[in-house]
Amino acid sequence: MNTETAGAALACIWIPFWVYWFITAARTRSPVKRTQRFPPLLLVTFLIILGWALFAGAAPPGLFAERVIPGGDVTGVSGLAITILGLCLAVWARVHLGKNWSSRPTIREGHTLVRTGPYRFVRNPIYTGLLVAYTGTAIVIGALWAIVLILFLLVAFLVRIREEEKILLGEFGEEYEKYRREVRALIPCLL
């Protein structure tokens, strides 16, 4: 799979996903009861912007831009399939969250602890899905910077998970603590 075909295929996958994401964000607003403090959100935002700058091709030339994953049709198609799988997981999780979803850690009026759908398997399936999708994208791109992006996103998501869990523990107490003991944060049976 050549670079132009891979880029076009990735755009055809990611653009509709983000359009859906922003449209549903606008439609699922409900009154806020409590939200996260600002500094951790700023750190996560910085890490995500840094990652997207790399993703957009702002990587410096040289070793960082070298292809470290062999290209080809099998690699490209596999990466695209992994990307689609990850985005489907994120959308499935978003559907199950419904009006509980927010772009930043927030407790909304009438907030419930969701344990259905993908939340039976991991506590943060949106982040899991996005990490899987970015991994598929990195496989298609094949460059070292794309792999480094995954690490930036993992750190950003782990920081965000910690902040979200503080607010969820404050709201749901022992019920959320029990959920934490029973269900892993990102990867079933591991993390």
C-alpha atoms as a PDB file:
ATOM      1  CA  MET A   1       0.000   0.000   0.000  1.00  0.00           C
ATOM      2  CA  ASN A   2       1.568   3.286  -1.063  1.00  0.00           C
ATOM      3  CA  THR A   3       1.704   6.384   1.132  1.00  0.00           C
ATOM      4  CA  GLU A   4      -1.061   8.271  -0.677  1.00  0.00           C
ATOM      5  CA  THR A   5      -3.472   5.341  -0.558  1.00  0.00           C
ATOM      6  CA  ALA A   6      -2.708   4.781   3.137  1.00  0.00           C
ATOM      7  CA  GLY A   7      -3.204   8.462   3.927  1.00  0.00           C
ATOM      8  CA  ALA A   8      -6.500   8.597   2.052  1.00  0.00           C
ATOM      9  CA  ALA A   9      -7.737   5.434   3.760  1.00  0.00           C
ATOM     10  CA  LEU A  10      -6.809   6.778   7.204  1.00  0.00           C
ATOM     11  CA  ALA A  11      -8.592  10.059   6.450  1.00  0.00           C
ATOM     12  CA  CYS A  12     -11.706   8.126   5.354  1.00  0.00           C
ATOM     13  CA  ILE A  13     -11.670   6.370   8.729  1.00  0.00           C
ATOM     14  CA  TRP A  14     -10.674   9.149  11.133  1.00  0.00           C
ATOM     15  CA  ILE A  15     -12.632  12.093   9.676  1.00  0.00           C
ATOM     16  CA  PRO A  16     -16.097  10.466   9.974  1.00  0.00           C
ATOM     17  CA  PHE A  17     -15.179   9.279  13.463  1.00  0.00           C
ATOM     18  CA  TRP A  18     -14.304  12.796  14.632  1.00  0.00           C
ATOM     19  CA  VAL A  19     -17.381  14.284  12.935  1.00  0.00           C
ATOM     20  CA  TYR A  20     -19.551  11.756  14.807  1.00  0.00           C
ATOM     21  CA  TRP A  21     -17.653  12.459  18.050  1.00  0.00           C
ATOM     22  CA  PHE A  22     -18.166  16.223  17.908  1.00  0.00           C
ATOM     23  CA  ILE A  23     -21.801  16.010  16.821  1.00  0.00           C
ATOM     24  CA  THR A  24     -22.678  13.633  19.654  1.00  0.00           C
ATOM     25  CA  ALA A  25     -20.734  15.811  22.095  1.00  0.00           C
ATOM     26  CA  ALA A  26     -22.975  18.734  21.206  1.00  0.00           C
ATOM     27  CA  ARG A  27     -26.126  16.609  21.522  1.00  0.00           C
ATOM     28  CA  THR A  28     -25.391  14.931  24.852  1.00  0.00           C
ATOM     29  CA  ARG A  29     -24.919  17.974  27.026  1.00  0.00           C
ATOM     30  CA  SER A  30     -26.665  17.875  30.365  1.00  0.00           C
ATOM     31  CA  PRO A  31     -26.292  19.980  33.535  1.00  0.00           C
ATOM     32  CA  VAL A  32     -22.945  19.627  35.319  1.00  0.00           C
ATOM     33  CA  LYS A  33     -22.865  18.782  39.003  1.00  0.00           C
ATOM     34  CA  ARG A  34     -19.066  18.805  39.514  1.00  0.00           C
ATOM     35  CA  THR A  35     -16.008  18.915  37.219  1.00  0.00           C
ATOM     36  CA  GLN A  36     -12.237  18.386  37.256  1.00  0.00           C
ATOM     37  CA  ARG A  37      -9.771  21.028  38.357  1.00  0.00           C
ATOM     38  CA  PHE A  38      -7.765  22.712  35.595  1.00  0.00           C
ATOM     39  CA  PRO A  39      -4.014  21.738  35.807  1.00  0.00           C
ATOM     40  CA  PRO A  40      -4.315  18.002  34.956  1.00  0.00           C
ATOM     41  CA  LEU A  41      -6.594  18.876  32.053  1.00  0.00           C
ATOM     42  CA  LEU A  42      -3.934  21.299  30.790  1.00  0.00           C
ATOM     43  CA  LEU A  43      -1.244  18.570  30.952  1.00  0.00           C
ATOM     44  CA  VAL A  44      -3.415  16.077  29.078  1.00  0.00           C
ATOM     45  CA  THR A  45      -4.308  18.706  26.476  1.00  0.00           C
ATOM     46  CA  PHE A  46      -0.617  19.515  25.987  1.00  0.00           C
ATOM     47  CA  LEU A  47       0.280  15.852  25.523  1.00  0.00           C
ATOM     48  CA  ILE A  48      -2.559  15.308  23.046  1.00  0.00           C
ATOM     49  CA  ILE A  49      -1.622  18.434  21.040  1.00  0.00           C
ATOM     50  CA  LEU A  50       2.017  17.322  20.995  1.00  0.00           C
ATOM     51  CA  GLY A  51       0.936  13.893  19.811  1.00  0.00           C
ATOM     52  CA  TRP A  52      -1.294  15.316  17.082  1.00  0.00           C
ATOM     53  CA  ALA A  53       1.529  17.598  15.919  1.00  0.00           C
ATOM     54  CA  LEU A  54       3.605  14.473  15.425  1.00  0.00           C
ATOM     55  CA  PHE A  55       0.668  12.721  13.772  1.00  0.00           C
ATOM     56  CA  ALA A  56       0.190  15.606  11.348  1.00  0.00           C
ATOM     57  CA  GLY A  57       3.708  15.104   9.999  1.00  0.00           C
ATOM     58  CA  ALA A  58       5.500  17.769  11.965  1.00  0.00           C
ATOM     59  CA  ALA A  59       8.076  15.143  12.967  1.00  0.00           C
ATOM     60  CA  PRO A  60      11.688  16.200  12.492  1.00  0.00           C
ATOM     61  CA  PRO A  61      13.541  14.513   9.649  1.00  0.00           C
ATOM     62  CA  GLY A  62      16.061  11.786  10.313  1.00  0.00           C
ATOM     63  CA  LEU A  63      15.831   8.710  12.479  1.00  0.00           C
ATOM     64  CA  PHE A  64      12.545   9.828  14.077  1.00  0.00           C
ATOM     65  CA  ALA A  65      10.866   9.842  10.656  1.00  0.00           C
ATOM     66  CA  GLU A  66      12.376   6.512   9.559  1.00  0.00           C
ATOM     67  CA  ARG A  67       9.964   3.697   8.788  1.00  0.00           C
ATOM     68  CA  VAL A  68      10.436   1.022  11.463  1.00  0.00           C
ATOM     69  CA  ILE A  69       7.448  -1.157  10.531  1.00  0.00           C
ATOM     70  CA  PRO A  70       7.768  -2.718   7.079  1.00  0.00           C
ATOM     71  CA  GLY A  71       5.233  -1.426   4.572  1.00  0.00           C
ATOM     72  CA  GLY A  72       3.139  -3.383   2.131  1.00  0.00           C
ATOM     73  CA  ASP A  73      -0.448  -4.328   1.467  1.00  0.00           C
ATOM     74  CA  VAL A  74      -0.753  -6.821   4.338  1.00  0.00           C
ATOM     75  CA  THR A  75       0.673  -4.348   6.855  1.00  0.00           C
ATOM     76  CA  GLY A  76      -1.497  -1.530   5.522  1.00  0.00           C
ATOM     77  CA  VAL A  77      -4.732  -3.493   5.505  1.00  0.00           C
ATOM     78  CA  SER A  78      -3.985  -4.960   8.945  1.00  0.00           C
ATOM     79  CA  GLY A  79      -3.308  -1.492  10.357  1.00  0.00           C
ATOM     80  CA  LEU A  80      -6.507  -0.120   8.834  1.00  0.00           C
ATOM     81  CA  ALA A  81      -8.531  -3.032  10.275  1.00  0.00           C
ATOM     82  CA  ILE A  82      -7.022  -2.438  13.732  1.00  0.00           C
ATOM     83  CA  THR A  83      -7.823   1.277  13.439  1.00  0.00           C
ATOM     84  CA  ILE A  84     -11.447   0.538  12.556  1.00  0.00           C
ATOM     85  CA  LEU A  85     -11.722  -2.006  15.390  1.00  0.00           C
ATOM     86  CA  GLY A  86     -10.427   0.535  17.917  1.00  0.00           C
ATOM     87  CA  LEU A  87     -12.763   3.282  16.735  1.00  0.00           C
ATOM     88  CA  CYS A  88     -15.739   0.899  16.840  1.00  0.00           C
ATOM     89  CA  LEU A  89     -14.877   0.106  20.466  1.00  0.00           C
ATOM     90  CA  ALA A  90     -14.698   3.828  21.308  1.00  0.00           C
ATOM     91  CA  VAL A  91     -18.077   4.480  19.648  1.00  0.00           C
ATOM     92  CA  TRP A  92     -19.658   1.465  21.389  1.00  0.00           C
ATOM     93  CA  ALA A  93     -18.410   2.823  24.726  1.00  0.00           C
ATOM     94  CA  ARG A  94     -19.641   6.322  23.915  1.00  0.00           C
ATOM     95  CA  VAL A  95     -23.121   4.979  23.127  1.00  0.00           C
ATOM     96  CA  HIS A  96     -23.243   3.202  26.497  1.00  0.00           C
ATOM     97  CA  LEU A  97     -22.173   6.338  28.366  1.00  0.00           C
ATOM     98  CA  GLY A  98     -24.927   8.407  26.776  1.00  0.00           C
ATOM     99  CA  LYS A  99     -25.471  11.666  28.673  1.00  0.00           C
ATOM    100  CA  ASN A 100     -22.799  10.717  31.227  1.00  0.00           C
ATOM    101  CA  TRP A 101     -20.081  11.448  28.643  1.00  0.00           C
ATOM    102  CA  SER A 102     -18.074  14.657  28.861  1.00  0.00           C
ATOM    103  CA  SER A 103     -14.924  15.945  27.187  1.00  0.00           C
ATOM    104  CA  ARG A 104     -13.358  16.379  30.606  1.00  0.00           C
ATOM    105  CA  PRO A 105     -13.843  14.544  33.891  1.00  0.00           C
ATOM    106  CA  THR A 106     -17.282  15.666  35.029  1.00  0.00           C
ATOM    107  CA  ILE A 107     -20.166  14.439  37.129  1.00  0.00           C
ATOM    108  CA  ARG A 108     -23.455  15.429  35.556  1.00  0.00           C
ATOM    109  CA  GLU A 109     -26.875  15.759  37.161  1.00  0.00           C
ATOM    110  CA  GLY A 110     -28.369  12.260  37.274  1.00  0.00           C
ATOM    111  CA  HIS A 111     -24.961  10.680  36.547  1.00  0.00           C
ATOM    112  CA  THR A 112     -24.909   6.890  36.768  1.00  0.00           C
ATOM    113  CA  LEU A 113     -22.067   4.394  37.018  1.00  0.00           C
ATOM    114  CA  VAL A 114     -22.110   2.587  33.670  1.00  0.00           C
ATOM    115  CA  ARG A 115     -21.118  -1.094  33.755  1.00  0.00           C
ATOM    116  CA  THR A 116     -22.809  -2.281  30.577  1.00  0.00           C
ATOM    117  CA  GLY A 117     -21.446  -2.946  27.103  1.00  0.00           C
ATOM    118  CA  PRO A 118     -17.664  -2.552  26.936  1.00  0.00           C
ATOM    119  CA  TYR A 119     -17.617  -1.219  30.511  1.00  0.00           C
ATOM    120  CA  ARG A 120     -18.065  -4.844  31.640  1.00  0.00           C
ATOM    121  CA  PHE A 121     -14.565  -5.587  30.334  1.00  0.00           C
ATOM    122  CA  VAL A 122     -12.569  -2.373  30.960  1.00  0.00           C
ATOM    123  CA  ARG A 123     -13.319   0.772  32.952  1.00  0.00           C
ATOM    124  CA  ASN A 124     -12.079   3.104  30.202  1.00  0.00           C
ATOM    125  CA  PRO A 125     -13.046   1.518  26.875  1.00  0.00           C
ATOM    126  CA  ILE A 126     -12.999   4.833  25.013  1.00  0.00           C
ATOM    127  CA  TYR A 127      -9.304   5.229  25.843  1.00  0.00           C
ATOM    128  CA  THR A 128      -8.685   1.572  25.059  1.00  0.00           C
ATOM    129  CA  GLY A 129     -10.415   1.986  21.705  1.00  0.00           C
ATOM    130  CA  LEU A 130      -8.468   5.136  20.869  1.00  0.00           C
ATOM    131  CA  LEU A 131      -5.163   3.482  21.804  1.00  0.00           C
ATOM    132  CA  VAL A 132      -6.025   0.501  19.606  1.00  0.00           C
ATOM    133  CA  ALA A 133      -7.008   2.859  16.766  1.00  0.00           C
ATOM    134  CA  TYR A 134      -3.810   4.894  17.088  1.00  0.00           C
ATOM    135  CA  THR A 135      -1.814   1.655  17.149  1.00  0.00           C
ATOM    136  CA  GLY A 136      -3.449   0.590  13.884  1.00  0.00           C
ATOM    137  CA  THR A 137      -2.708   4.000  12.423  1.00  0.00           C
ATOM    138  CA  ALA A 138       0.931   3.745  13.564  1.00  0.00           C
ATOM    139  CA  ILE A 139       1.185   0.365  11.831  1.00  0.00           C
ATOM    140  CA  VAL A 140      -0.056   1.922   8.583  1.00  0.00           C
ATOM    141  CA  ILE A 141       2.313   4.894   8.885  1.00  0.00           C
ATOM    142  CA  GLY A 142       5.191   2.714  10.070  1.00  0.00           C
ATOM    143  CA  ALA A 143       7.401   5.601  11.234  1.00  0.00           C
ATOM    144  CA  LEU A 144       9.064   5.844  14.632  1.00  0.00           C
ATOM    145  CA  TRP A 145       7.239   9.117  15.416  1.00  0.00           C
ATOM    146  CA  ALA A 146       3.903   7.316  15.016  1.00  0.00           C
ATOM    147  CA  ILE A 147       4.942   4.724  17.582  1.00  0.00           C
ATOM    148  CA  VAL A 148       6.169   7.439  19.951  1.00  0.00           C
ATOM    149  CA  LEU A 149       2.741   9.075  19.593  1.00  0.00           C
ATOM    150  CA  ILE A 150       1.153   5.982  21.143  1.00  0.00           C
ATOM    151  CA  LEU A 151       3.378   6.393  24.209  1.00  0.00           C
ATOM    152  CA  PHE A 152       2.410  10.079  24.538  1.00  0.00           C
ATOM    153  CA  LEU A 153      -1.255   9.167  24.329  1.00  0.00           C
ATOM    154  CA  LEU A 154      -0.867   6.352  26.844  1.00  0.00           C
ATOM    155  CA  VAL A 155       0.719   8.759  29.348  1.00  0.00           C
ATOM    156  CA  ALA A 156      -1.996  11.358  28.688  1.00  0.00           C
ATOM    157  CA  PHE A 157      -4.754   8.776  29.142  1.00  0.00           C
ATOM    158  CA  LEU A 158      -3.213   7.392  32.348  1.00  0.00           C
ATOM    159  CA  VAL A 159      -3.055  10.906  33.826  1.00  0.00           C
ATOM    160  CA  ARG A 160      -6.632  11.511  32.774  1.00  0.00           C
ATOM    161  CA  ILE A 161      -7.815   8.160  34.161  1.00  0.00           C
ATOM    162  CA  ARG A 162      -6.319   9.051  37.543  1.00  0.00           C
ATOM    163  CA  GLU A 163      -8.211  12.347  37.580  1.00  0.00           C
ATOM    164  CA  GLU A 164     -11.466  10.780  36.408  1.00  0.00           C
ATOM    165  CA  GLU A 165     -11.231   8.100  39.061  1.00  0.00           C
ATOM    166  CA  LYS A 166     -10.867  10.713  41.809  1.00  0.00           C
ATOM    167  CA  ILE A 167     -14.100  12.387  40.763  1.00  0.00           C
ATOM    168  CA  LEU A 168     -15.908   9.034  40.309  1.00  0.00           C
ATOM    169  CA  LEU A 169     -14.765   7.833  43.734  1.00  0.00           C
ATOM    170  CA  GLY A 170     -16.032  11.075  45.217  1.00  0.00           C
ATOM    171  CA  GLU A 171     -19.428  10.550  43.630  1.00  0.00           C
ATOM    172  CA  PHE A 172     -19.929   6.789  43.851  1.00  0.00           C
ATOM    173  CA  GLY A 173     -17.649   5.800  46.766  1.00  0.00           C
ATOM    174  CA  GLU A 174     -17.660   2.082  47.561  1.00  0.00           C
ATOM    175  CA  GLU A 175     -19.684   1.222  44.441  1.00  0.00           C
ATOM    176  CA  TYR A 176     -16.893   2.598  42.243  1.00  0.00           C
ATOM    177  CA  GLU A 177     -14.189   1.059  44.428  1.00  0.00           C
ATOM    178  CA  LYS A 178     -15.835  -2.346  43.935  1.00  0.00           C
ATOM    179  CA  TYR A 179     -15.939  -1.730  40.175  1.00  0.00           C
ATOM    180  CA  ARG A 180     -12.200  -0.862  40.224  1.00  0.00           C
ATOM    181  CA  ARG A 181     -11.439  -4.144  41.979  1.00  0.00           C
ATOM    182  CA  GLU A 182     -13.501  -6.169  39.494  1.00  0.00           C
ATOM    183  CA  VAL A 183     -12.632  -4.519  36.141  1.00  0.00           C
ATOM    184  CA  ARG A 184      -9.235  -3.433  34.767  1.00  0.00           C
ATOM    185  CA  ALA A 185      -8.644   0.147  33.618  1.00  0.00           C
ATOM    186  CA  LEU A 186      -7.512  -0.340  30.001  1.00  0.00           C
ATOM    187  CA  ILE A 187      -6.713  -3.951  29.096  1.00  0.00           C
ATOM    188  CA  PRO A 188      -8.818  -6.870  30.367  1.00  0.00           C
ATOM    189  CA  CYS A 189      -6.860  -9.093  32.780  1.00  0.00           C
ATOM    190  CA  LEU A 190      -3.718  -6.877  32.577  1.00  0.00           C
ATOM    191  CA  LEU A 191      -3.884  -3.130  33.171  1.00  0.00           C
END
